[in-house]
C-alpha atoms as a PDB file:
ATOM      1  CA  MET A   1       0.000   0.000   0.000  1.00  0.00           C
ATOM      2  CA  ALA A   2       1.156   3.561  -0.710  1.00  0.00           C
ATOM      3  CA  ASP A   3       1.774   6.439   1.712  1.00  0.00           C
ATOM      4  CA  GLY A   4       2.873   4.215   4.564  1.00  0.00           C
ATOM      5  CA  TYR A   5      -0.385   2.260   4.878  1.00  0.00           C
ATOM      6  CA  GLY A   6      -0.044  -1.464   5.471  1.00  0.00           C
ATOM      7  CA  SER A   7      -1.063  -4.163   3.008  1.00  0.00           C
ATOM      8  CA  HIS A   8      -2.175  -7.654   3.929  1.00  0.00           C
ATOM      9  CA  ARG A   9       1.317  -8.889   3.110  1.00  0.00           C
ATOM     10  CA  ASP A  10       2.716  -6.425   5.658  1.00  0.00           C
ATOM     11  CA  TYR A  11       0.286  -7.650   8.304  1.00  0.00           C
ATOM     12  CA  MET A  12       1.186 -11.268   7.636  1.00  0.00           C
ATOM     13  CA  GLU A  13       4.888 -10.487   7.934  1.00  0.00           C
ATOM     14  CA  TRP A  14       4.309  -8.896  11.327  1.00  0.00           C
ATOM     15  CA  VAL A  15       2.905 -12.087  12.825  1.00  0.00           C
ATOM     16  CA  THR A  16       4.467 -14.910  10.807  1.00  0.00           C
ATOM     17  CA  GLU A  17       7.305 -15.646  13.209  1.00  0.00           C
ATOM     18  CA  ASP A  18       5.048 -15.742  16.270  1.00  0.00           C
ATOM     19  CA  ALA A  19       2.446 -17.776  14.377  1.00  0.00           C
ATOM     20  CA  ASP A  20       5.061 -20.345  13.312  1.00  0.00           C
ATOM     21  CA  THR A  21       6.272 -20.646  16.902  1.00  0.00           C
ATOM     22  CA  ARG A  22       2.726 -21.134  18.143  1.00  0.00           C
ATOM     23  CA  LEU A  23       2.086 -23.731  15.428  1.00  0.00           C
ATOM     24  CA  GLU A  24       4.985 -25.865  16.678  1.00  0.00           C
ATOM     25  CA  THR A  25       3.829 -25.521  20.283  1.00  0.00           C
ATOM     26  CA  VAL A  26       0.216 -26.386  19.430  1.00  0.00           C
ATOM     27  CA  GLU A  27       1.258 -29.371  17.308  1.00  0.00           C
ATOM     28  CA  THR A  28       3.368 -30.758  20.172  1.00  0.00           C
ATOM     29  CA  ALA A  29       0.571 -30.160  22.657  1.00  0.00           C
ATOM     30  CA  LEU A  30      -1.999 -31.886  20.446  1.00  0.00           C
ATOM     31  CA  GLN A  31       0.254 -34.879  19.926  1.00  0.00           C
ATOM     32  CA  GLN A  32       0.740 -35.240  23.672  1.00  0.00           C
ATOM     33  CA  ALA A  33      -2.848 -34.470  24.648  1.00  0.00           C
ATOM     34  CA  PHE A  34      -4.426 -36.929  22.210  1.00  0.00           C
ATOM     35  CA  SER A  35      -1.642 -39.490  21.883  1.00  0.00           C
ATOM     36  CA  PRO A  36      -3.894 -42.462  22.771  1.00  0.00           C
ATOM     37  CA  PHE A  37      -6.323 -41.448  20.033  1.00  0.00           C
ATOM     38  CA  ILE A  38      -3.981 -40.491  17.191  1.00  0.00           C
ATOM     39  CA  GLU A  39      -3.978 -42.768  14.155  1.00  0.00           C
ATOM     40  CA  ARG A  40      -2.230 -42.457  10.822  1.00  0.00           C
ATOM     41  CA  ARG A  41      -4.688 -42.574   7.967  1.00  0.00           C
ATOM     42  CA  GLU A  42      -4.469 -42.145   4.245  1.00  0.00           C
ATOM     43  CA  VAL A  43      -6.212 -38.930   3.140  1.00  0.00           C
ATOM     44  CA  ASP A  44      -6.196 -36.803  -0.001  1.00  0.00           C
ATOM     45  CA  VAL A  45      -3.772 -33.899   0.306  1.00  0.00           C
ATOM     46  CA  VAL A  46      -3.660 -30.769  -1.842  1.00  0.00           C
ATOM     47  CA  ILE A  47      -0.006 -29.916  -2.572  1.00  0.00           C
ATOM     48  CA  PHE A  48      -0.090 -26.149  -3.043  1.00  0.00           C
ATOM     49  CA  SER A  49       3.691 -25.961  -3.342  1.00  0.00           C
ATOM     50  CA  SER A  50       3.495 -28.039  -6.538  1.00  0.00           C
ATOM     51  CA  MET A  51       1.080 -25.737  -8.343  1.00  0.00           C
ATOM     52  CA  SER A  52       1.723 -22.410  -9.993  1.00  0.00           C
ATOM     53  CA  ALA A  53      -0.381 -19.305  -9.502  1.00  0.00           C
ATOM     54  CA  LEU A  54      -1.872 -19.989 -12.953  1.00  0.00           C
ATOM     55  CA  ASN A  55      -2.857 -23.508 -11.867  1.00  0.00           C
ATOM     56  CA  LEU A  56      -4.522 -22.009  -8.824  1.00  0.00           C
ATOM     57  CA  ALA A  57      -6.260 -19.334 -10.898  1.00  0.00           C
ATOM     58  CA  GLU A  58      -7.628 -21.946 -13.292  1.00  0.00           C
ATOM     59  CA  ALA A  59      -9.024 -23.969 -10.378  1.00  0.00           C
ATOM     60  CA  ILE A  60     -10.666 -20.908  -8.808  1.00  0.00           C
ATOM     61  CA  SER A  61     -12.100 -19.779 -12.142  1.00  0.00           C
ATOM     62  CA  LYS A  62     -13.542 -23.206 -12.913  1.00  0.00           C
ATOM     63  CA  TYR A  63     -14.745 -23.983  -9.371  1.00  0.00           C
ATOM     64  CA  PRO A  64     -15.325 -20.597  -7.653  1.00  0.00           C
ATOM     65  CA  ILE A  65     -16.999 -22.199  -4.631  1.00  0.00           C
ATOM     66  CA  ILE A  66     -13.547 -23.301  -3.406  1.00  0.00           C
ATOM     67  CA  LEU A  67     -12.432 -19.690  -2.931  1.00  0.00           C
ATOM     68  CA  LYS A  68     -13.676 -19.182   0.644  1.00  0.00           C
ATOM     69  CA  GLY A  69     -11.809 -22.190   2.002  1.00  0.00           C
ATOM     70  CA  LEU A  70      -8.622 -21.099   0.254  1.00  0.00           C
ATOM     71  CA  LEU A  71      -8.913 -17.542   1.556  1.00  0.00           C
ATOM     72  CA  ALA A  72      -9.605 -18.747   5.102  1.00  0.00           C
ATOM     73  CA  ALA A  73      -6.679 -21.171   4.949  1.00  0.00           C
ATOM     74  CA  CYS A  74      -4.310 -18.264   4.402  1.00  0.00           C
ATOM     75  CA  ASN A  75      -6.144 -15.736   6.612  1.00  0.00           C
ATOM     76  CA  VAL A  76      -7.313 -13.477   3.809  1.00  0.00           C
ATOM     77  CA  ALA A  77     -10.738 -11.833   3.994  1.00  0.00           C
ATOM     78  CA  ALA A  78     -12.829  -9.985   1.420  1.00  0.00           C
ATOM     79  CA  ARG A  79     -11.719  -6.674   2.929  1.00  0.00           C
ATOM     80  CA  ALA A  80      -8.100  -7.472   2.108  1.00  0.00           C
ATOM     81  CA  ILE A  81      -9.084  -8.395  -1.459  1.00  0.00           C
ATOM     82  CA  GLU A  82     -10.920  -5.093  -1.851  1.00  0.00           C
ATOM     83  CA  ARG A  83      -8.223  -2.984  -0.207  1.00  0.00           C
ATOM     84  CA  ASP A  84      -5.139  -4.528  -1.807  1.00  0.00           C
ATOM     85  CA  LEU A  85      -6.523  -5.672  -5.157  1.00  0.00           C
ATOM     86  CA  GLY A  86      -9.375  -3.235  -5.775  1.00  0.00           C
ATOM     87  CA  ILE A  87     -11.959  -6.006  -6.309  1.00  0.00           C
ATOM     88  CA  SER A  88     -15.107  -4.701  -4.613  1.00  0.00           C
ATOM     89  CA  ASN A  89     -18.241  -6.452  -3.381  1.00  0.00           C
ATOM     90  CA  LEU A  90     -16.745  -9.933  -3.610  1.00  0.00           C
ATOM     91  CA  ASP A  91     -19.051 -12.619  -2.223  1.00  0.00           C
ATOM     92  CA  THR A  92     -16.394 -15.061  -1.069  1.00  0.00           C
ATOM     93  CA  TYR A  93     -18.959 -17.836  -0.543  1.00  0.00           C
ATOM     94  CA  ASN A  94     -20.462 -17.604  -4.014  1.00  0.00           C
ATOM     95  CA  PRO A  95     -18.016 -15.514  -6.040  1.00  0.00           C
ATOM     96  CA  ARG A  96     -18.536 -14.343  -9.594  1.00  0.00           C
ATOM     97  CA  LEU A  97     -15.113 -13.813 -11.046  1.00  0.00           C
ATOM     98  CA  ASP A  98     -13.835 -13.261 -14.534  1.00  0.00           C
ATOM     99  CA  GLU A  99     -10.605 -14.913 -15.611  1.00  0.00           C
ATOM    100  CA  SER A 100      -8.448 -11.854 -14.944  1.00  0.00           C
ATOM    101  CA  GLN A 101      -9.812 -11.439 -11.416  1.00  0.00           C
ATOM    102  CA  ALA A 102      -9.171 -15.113 -10.671  1.00  0.00           C
ATOM    103  CA  LYS A 103      -5.563 -14.675 -11.791  1.00  0.00           C
ATOM    104  CA  VAL A 104      -5.053 -11.589  -9.641  1.00  0.00           C
ATOM    105  CA  ILE A 105      -6.518 -13.299  -6.555  1.00  0.00           C
ATOM    106  CA  ALA A 106      -4.533 -16.478  -7.153  1.00  0.00           C
ATOM    107  CA  GLY A 107      -1.303 -14.523  -7.424  1.00  0.00           C
ATOM    108  CA  PHE A 108      -2.171 -12.638  -4.268  1.00  0.00           C
ATOM    109  CA  ILE A 109      -2.990 -15.633  -2.028  1.00  0.00           C
ATOM    110  CA  LYS A 110      -0.485 -18.159  -3.385  1.00  0.00           C
ATOM    111  CA  PRO A 111       2.375 -16.991  -1.085  1.00  0.00           C
ATOM    112  CA  PHE A 112       0.114 -17.234   1.951  1.00  0.00           C
ATOM    113  CA  LEU A 113      -1.095 -20.794   1.368  1.00  0.00           C
ATOM    114  CA  PRO A 114       0.591 -23.648   3.273  1.00  0.00           C
ATOM    115  CA  SER A 115       2.792 -26.066   1.352  1.00  0.00           C
ATOM    116  CA  TYR A 116       0.014 -28.634   1.583  1.00  0.00           C
ATOM    117  CA  LEU A 117      -3.324 -29.142   3.262  1.00  0.00           C
ATOM    118  CA  GLU A 118      -5.435 -32.237   3.785  1.00  0.00           C
ATOM    119  CA  LEU A 119      -8.612 -32.114   1.716  1.00  0.00           C
ATOM    120  CA  PRO A 120     -10.927 -32.894   4.681  1.00  0.00           C
ATOM    121  CA  ALA A 121      -9.291 -30.072   6.652  1.00  0.00           C
ATOM    122  CA  LEU A 122      -9.824 -27.634   3.776  1.00  0.00           C
ATOM    123  CA  CYS A 123     -13.475 -28.678   3.550  1.00  0.00           C
ATOM    124  CA  GLN A 124     -13.889 -28.221   7.311  1.00  0.00           C
ATOM    125  CA  ILE A 125     -12.379 -24.739   7.164  1.00  0.00           C
ATOM    126  CA  ASP A 126     -15.000 -23.749   4.595  1.00  0.00           C
ATOM    127  CA  ARG A 127     -17.746 -25.317   6.721  1.00  0.00           C
ATOM    128  CA  ILE A 128     -16.696 -23.421   9.868  1.00  0.00           C
ATOM    129  CA  TRP A 129     -16.745 -20.053   8.133  1.00  0.00           C
ATOM    130  CA  PHE A 130     -20.029 -20.803   6.368  1.00  0.00           C
ATOM    131  CA  ILE A 131     -21.664 -21.657   9.700  1.00  0.00           C
ATOM    132  CA  ASP A 132     -20.280 -18.461  11.217  1.00  0.00           C
ATOM    133  CA  LYS A 133     -21.705 -16.398   8.344  1.00  0.00           C
ATOM    134  CA  GLU A 134     -25.131 -17.975   8.583  1.00  0.00           C
ATOM    135  CA  ILE A 135     -25.284 -17.478  12.363  1.00  0.00           C
ATOM    136  CA  ARG A 136     -24.337 -13.819  11.988  1.00  0.00           C
ATOM    137  CA  LYS A 137     -26.950 -13.412   9.266  1.00  0.00           C
ATOM    138  CA  GLY A 138     -29.570 -14.917  11.554  1.00  0.00           C
ATOM    139  CA  LYS A 139     -28.626 -12.524  14.345  1.00  0.00           C
ATOM    140  CA  GLY A 140     -28.808  -9.600  11.955  1.00  0.00           C
ATOM    141  CA  ARG A 141     -32.324 -10.707  11.065  1.00  0.00           C
ATOM    142  CA  TRP A 142     -33.405  -9.873  14.637  1.00  0.00           C
ATOM    143  CA  GLU A 143     -32.922  -6.156  14.040  1.00  0.00           C
ATOM    144  CA  LYS A 144     -34.982  -6.384  10.858  1.00  0.00           C
ATOM    145  CA  LEU A 145     -37.775  -8.157  12.747  1.00  0.00           C
ATOM    146  CA  VAL A 146     -37.856  -5.317  15.282  1.00  0.00           C
ATOM    147  CA  LEU A 147     -38.082  -2.761  12.484  1.00  0.00           C
ATOM    148  CA  GLU A 148     -40.850  -4.765  10.801  1.00  0.00           C
ATOM    149  CA  ALA A 149     -42.780  -4.897  14.072  1.00  0.00           C
ATOM    150  CA  LEU A 150     -42.422  -1.144  14.484  1.00  0.00           C
ATOM    151  CA  ASN A 151     -43.775  -0.583  10.983  1.00  0.00           C
ATOM    152  CA  LYS A 152     -46.896  -2.547  11.832  1.00  0.00           C
ATOM    153  CA  ILE A 153     -47.685   0.233  14.295  1.00  0.00           C
ATOM    154  CA  GLY A 154     -46.118   3.309  12.697  1.00  0.00           C
ATOM    155  CA  THR A 155     -43.771   4.362   9.916  1.00  0.00           C
ATOM    156  CA  PHE A 156     -40.090   3.845  10.703  1.00  0.00           C
ATOM    157  CA  ARG A 157     -36.839   3.434   8.825  1.00  0.00           C
ATOM    158  CA  LYS A 158     -33.109   3.774   9.419  1.00  0.00           C
ATOM    159  CA  ARG A 159     -32.099   7.413   9.445  1.00  0.00           C
ATOM    160  CA  LYS A 160     -28.919   9.393   9.884  1.00  0.00           C
ATOM    161  CA  PHE A 161     -28.667  12.696  11.680  1.00  0.00           C
ATOM    162  CA  HIS A 162     -25.951  15.221  12.468  1.00  0.00           C
ATOM    163  CA  SER A 163     -25.211  16.573  15.907  1.00  0.00           C
ATOM    164  CA  GLU A 164     -22.232  18.706  16.939  1.00  0.00           C
ATOM    165  CA  ASP A 165     -20.446  18.062  13.622  1.00  0.00           C
ATOM    166  CA  GLU A 166     -20.810  14.266  13.966  1.00  0.00           C
ATOM    167  CA  GLU A 167     -22.988  11.855  12.027  1.00  0.00           C
ATOM    168  CA  PHE A 168     -25.074   9.226  13.815  1.00  0.00           C
ATOM    169  CA  GLU A 169     -27.458   6.535  12.637  1.00  0.00           C
ATOM    170  CA  LEU A 170     -30.726   5.496  14.220  1.00  0.00           C
ATOM    171  CA  ASP A 171     -31.796   1.912  13.618  1.00  0.00           C
ATOM    172  CA  ALA A 172     -35.392   3.145  13.446  1.00  0.00           C
ATOM    173  CA  ALA A 173     -36.767   6.665  13.231  1.00  0.00           C
ATOM    174  CA  SER A 174     -40.111   8.322  12.574  1.00  0.00           C
ATOM    175  CA  PRO A 175     -41.201  10.027  10.466  1.00  0.00           C
ATOM    176  CA  ARG A 176     -39.220   8.677   7.533  1.00  0.00           C
ATOM    177  CA  GLN A 177     -38.052  12.136   6.541  1.00  0.00           C
ATOM    178  CA  GLY A 178     -38.022  15.643   7.953  1.00  0.00           C
ATOM    179  CA  THR A 179     -37.758  16.465  11.656  1.00  0.00           C
ATOM    180  CA  ILE A 180     -37.184  13.332  13.708  1.00  0.00           C
ATOM    181  CA  GLU A 181     -39.913  12.812  16.306  1.00  0.00           C
ATOM    182  CA  ILE A 182     -38.980   9.298  17.484  1.00  0.00           C
ATOM    183  CA  GLY A 183     -35.519   7.784  17.465  1.00  0.00           C
ATOM    184  CA  ILE A 184     -34.885   4.162  18.383  1.00  0.00           C
ATOM    185  CA  ASP A 185     -31.608   2.335  18.952  1.00  0.00           C
ATOM    186  CA  ILE A 186     -31.830  -1.433  18.442  1.00  0.00           C
ATOM    187  CA  LYS A 187     -29.016  -3.224  20.238  1.00  0.00           C
ATOM    188  CA  ARG A 188     -28.174  -6.915  20.336  1.00  0.00           C
ATOM    189  CA  ILE A 189     -25.824  -7.518  23.288  1.00  0.00           C
ATOM    190  CA  GLU A 190     -24.792 -11.116  23.916  1.00  0.00           C
ATOM    191  CA  ALA A 191     -21.903 -10.846  26.368  1.00  0.00           C
ATOM    192  CA  ARG A 192     -21.782  -9.376  29.856  1.00  0.00           C
ATOM    193  CA  ARG A 193     -18.435  -7.765  29.131  1.00  0.00           C
ATOM    194  CA  ASP A 194     -20.022  -5.675  26.348  1.00  0.00           C
ATOM    195  CA  ILE A 195     -22.876  -4.222  28.359  1.00  0.00           C
ATOM    196  CA  HIS A 196     -21.049  -1.154  29.738  1.00  0.00           C
ATOM    197  CA  LYS A 197     -19.720  -0.107  26.342  1.00  0.00           C
ATOM    198  CA  ARG A 198     -23.062  -0.646  24.598  1.00  0.00           C
ATOM    199  CA  CYS A 199     -24.972   1.248  27.270  1.00  0.00           C
ATOM    200  CA  ASP A 200     -22.564   4.165  26.943  1.00  0.00           C
ATOM    201  CA  GLU A 201     -23.137   4.125  23.179  1.00  0.00           C
ATOM    202  CA  ILE A 202     -26.913   4.246  23.688  1.00  0.00           C
ATOM    203  CA  VAL A 203     -26.730   7.127  26.174  1.00  0.00           C
ATOM    204  CA  ASN A 204     -24.379   9.069  23.910  1.00  0.00           C
ATOM    205  CA  LYS A 205     -26.629   8.652  20.885  1.00  0.00           C
ATOM    206  CA  ALA A 206     -29.659   9.701  22.929  1.00  0.00           C
ATOM    207  CA  ASP A 207     -27.862  12.856  24.103  1.00  0.00           C
ATOM    208  CA  LYS A 208     -26.842  13.719  20.551  1.00  0.00           C
ATOM    209  CA  LEU A 209     -30.373  13.194  19.217  1.00  0.00           C
ATOM    210  CA  LYS A 210     -31.878  15.462  21.859  1.00  0.00           C
ATOM    211  CA  LYS A 211     -29.338  18.173  21.034  1.00  0.00           C
ATOM    212  CA  ALA A 212     -30.197  17.947  17.336  1.00  0.00           C
ATOM    213  CA  PHE A 213     -33.957  17.507  17.872  1.00  0.00           C
ATOM    214  CA  PRO A 214     -34.898  18.736  21.379  1.00  0.00           C
ATOM    215  CA  HIS A 215     -38.515  17.604  21.100  1.00  0.00           C
ATOM    216  CA  ALA A 216     -37.749  14.095  19.847  1.00  0.00           C
ATOM    217  CA  SER A 217     -38.183  11.020  22.018  1.00  0.00           C
ATOM    218  CA  PHE A 218     -35.486   8.369  22.231  1.00  0.00           C
ATOM    219  CA  SER A 219     -35.946   4.698  23.064  1.00  0.00           C
ATOM    220  CA  ALA A 220     -33.887   1.526  23.007  1.00  0.00           C
ATOM    221  CA  VAL A 221     -34.853  -2.037  22.136  1.00  0.00           C
ATOM    222  CA  ILE A 222     -32.301  -4.418  23.626  1.00  0.00           C
ATOM    223  CA  TYR A 223     -31.556  -8.104  23.207  1.00  0.00           C
ATOM    224  CA  TYR A 224     -29.723  -9.221  26.337  1.00  0.00           C
ATOM    225  CA  PRO A 225     -30.056 -12.912  27.297  1.00  0.00           C
ATOM    226  CA  PHE A 226     -29.266 -12.412  30.998  1.00  0.00           C
ATOM    227  CA  ILE A 227     -32.802 -11.712  32.154  1.00  0.00           C
ATOM    228  CA  ASP A 228     -31.924 -11.313  35.831  1.00  0.00           C
ATOM    229  CA  GLU A 229     -29.670  -8.388  34.863  1.00  0.00           C
ATOM    230  CA  HIS A 230     -32.258  -6.425  32.886  1.00  0.00           C
ATOM    231  CA  VAL A 231     -33.001  -4.184  35.882  1.00  0.00           C
ATOM    232  CA  ASN A 232     -29.309  -3.304  36.173  1.00  0.00           C
ATOM    233  CA  VAL A 233     -29.195  -2.443  32.489  1.00  0.00           C
ATOM    234  CA  GLN A 234     -32.208  -0.179  32.867  1.00  0.00           C
ATOM    235  CA  SER A 235     -30.444   1.549  35.780  1.00  0.00           C
ATOM    236  CA  ARG A 236     -27.376   2.157  33.639  1.00  0.00           C
ATOM    237  CA  LEU A 237     -29.591   3.677  30.977  1.00  0.00           C
ATOM    238  CA  LYS A 238     -31.365   6.102  33.292  1.00  0.00           C
ATOM    239  CA  SER A 239     -30.935   9.391  31.535  1.00  0.00           C
ATOM    240  CA  THR A 240     -33.050  12.438  30.837  1.00  0.00           C
ATOM    241  CA  ALA A 241     -32.334  11.816  27.165  1.00  0.00           C
ATOM    242  CA  ILE A 242     -33.801   8.280  27.175  1.00  0.00           C
ATOM    243  CA  ASP A 243     -37.576   7.967  27.292  1.00  0.00           C
ATOM    244  CA  SER A 244     -38.005   4.212  27.184  1.00  0.00           C
ATOM    245  CA  VAL A 245     -36.020   0.965  27.350  1.00  0.00           C
ATOM    246  CA  VAL A 246     -37.540  -2.403  26.452  1.00  0.00           C
ATOM    247  CA  PHE A 247     -36.111  -5.892  26.058  1.00  0.00           C
ATOM    248  CA  ALA A 248     -36.911  -8.460  23.380  1.00  0.00           C
ATOM    249  CA  SER A 249     -35.760 -12.020  22.847  1.00  0.00           C
ATOM    250  CA  GLN A 250     -35.461 -13.889  19.554  1.00  0.00           C
ATOM    251  CA  SER A 251     -39.134 -14.824  19.253  1.00  0.00           C
ATOM    252  CA  GLU A 252     -41.529 -12.752  17.170  1.00  0.00           C
ATOM    253  CA  GLU A 253     -44.006 -12.666  20.051  1.00  0.00           C
ATOM    254  CA  SER A 254     -41.406 -11.149  22.376  1.00  0.00           C
ATOM    255  CA  ILE A 255     -40.441  -8.590  19.742  1.00  0.00           C
ATOM    256  CA  HIS A 256     -44.094  -7.672  19.140  1.00  0.00           C
ATOM    257  CA  ASN A 257     -44.768  -7.228  22.868  1.00  0.00           C
ATOM    258  CA  ALA A 258     -41.626  -5.138  23.369  1.00  0.00           C
ATOM    259  CA  VAL A 259     -42.472  -2.842  20.479  1.00  0.00           C
ATOM    260  CA  LYS A 260     -46.067  -2.494  21.659  1.00  0.00           C
ATOM    261  CA  MET A 261     -44.828  -1.571  25.145  1.00  0.00           C
ATOM    262  CA  LEU A 262     -42.353   0.931  23.702  1.00  0.00           C
ATOM    263  CA  ILE A 263     -44.914   2.740  21.576  1.00  0.00           C
ATOM    264  CA  SER A 264     -47.412   2.790  24.444  1.00  0.00           C
ATOM    265  CA  SER A 265     -44.860   4.373  26.770  1.00  0.00           C
ATOM    266  CA  LEU A 266     -44.176   7.139  24.266  1.00  0.00           C
ATOM    267  CA  LYS A 267     -47.879   8.018  24.017  1.00  0.00           C
ATOM    268  CA  LYS A 268     -48.178   8.669  27.756  1.00  0.00           C
END
């Protein structure tokens, strides 16, 4: 990268020595930990050191579904492809690549691939990342369900606003344009260690909204699976800038009830 900014190759060079040391330590530990259960078996192995970048490009071009596993095996993500190669909006799970793009990507990742990798391991790498993507997509769906529930009662959409020379985004706001009357932050918090930071973010956004639109109301819809701690969360979110805080689980019924409670509280 130009102007002193790091490329993915730079990042890899930073950690390669430590990663190689850890690899040796982990391999020794695994051999000792599972020694009674280790067997030698014959498996198919992909010898990356035997293929050229053109061989790799041809394989990717002909079978693009293999790309995600290859990228994950050498710790390369779509962001690195976009930043270092200028290939934007690449769906690494179902890529659409022309021949030239396949060649560029192959040349880029070839130095990062191991000398060889067992085929079952490569398949498992792809499976792990696919599962992770699908889980994250499912979690992201929760926010959409909240917005859908809100739109059954009123008219809401994501909106941005400016306050004190900063830009902020509301997950749901009404009306859909013009002066904001209702702003809602939709937060999915799944770890106790994140609650303080997320609460601070909510309070800050509420303060900024009230400064930009003094007559607007601000509410939060929160997913937090530790039910016995909901009261503590509400205490942390006590602020003159926050008008209502409700909690919703994954179920549509819980989301509907939370949204209904939120809207009712704002009408009082």
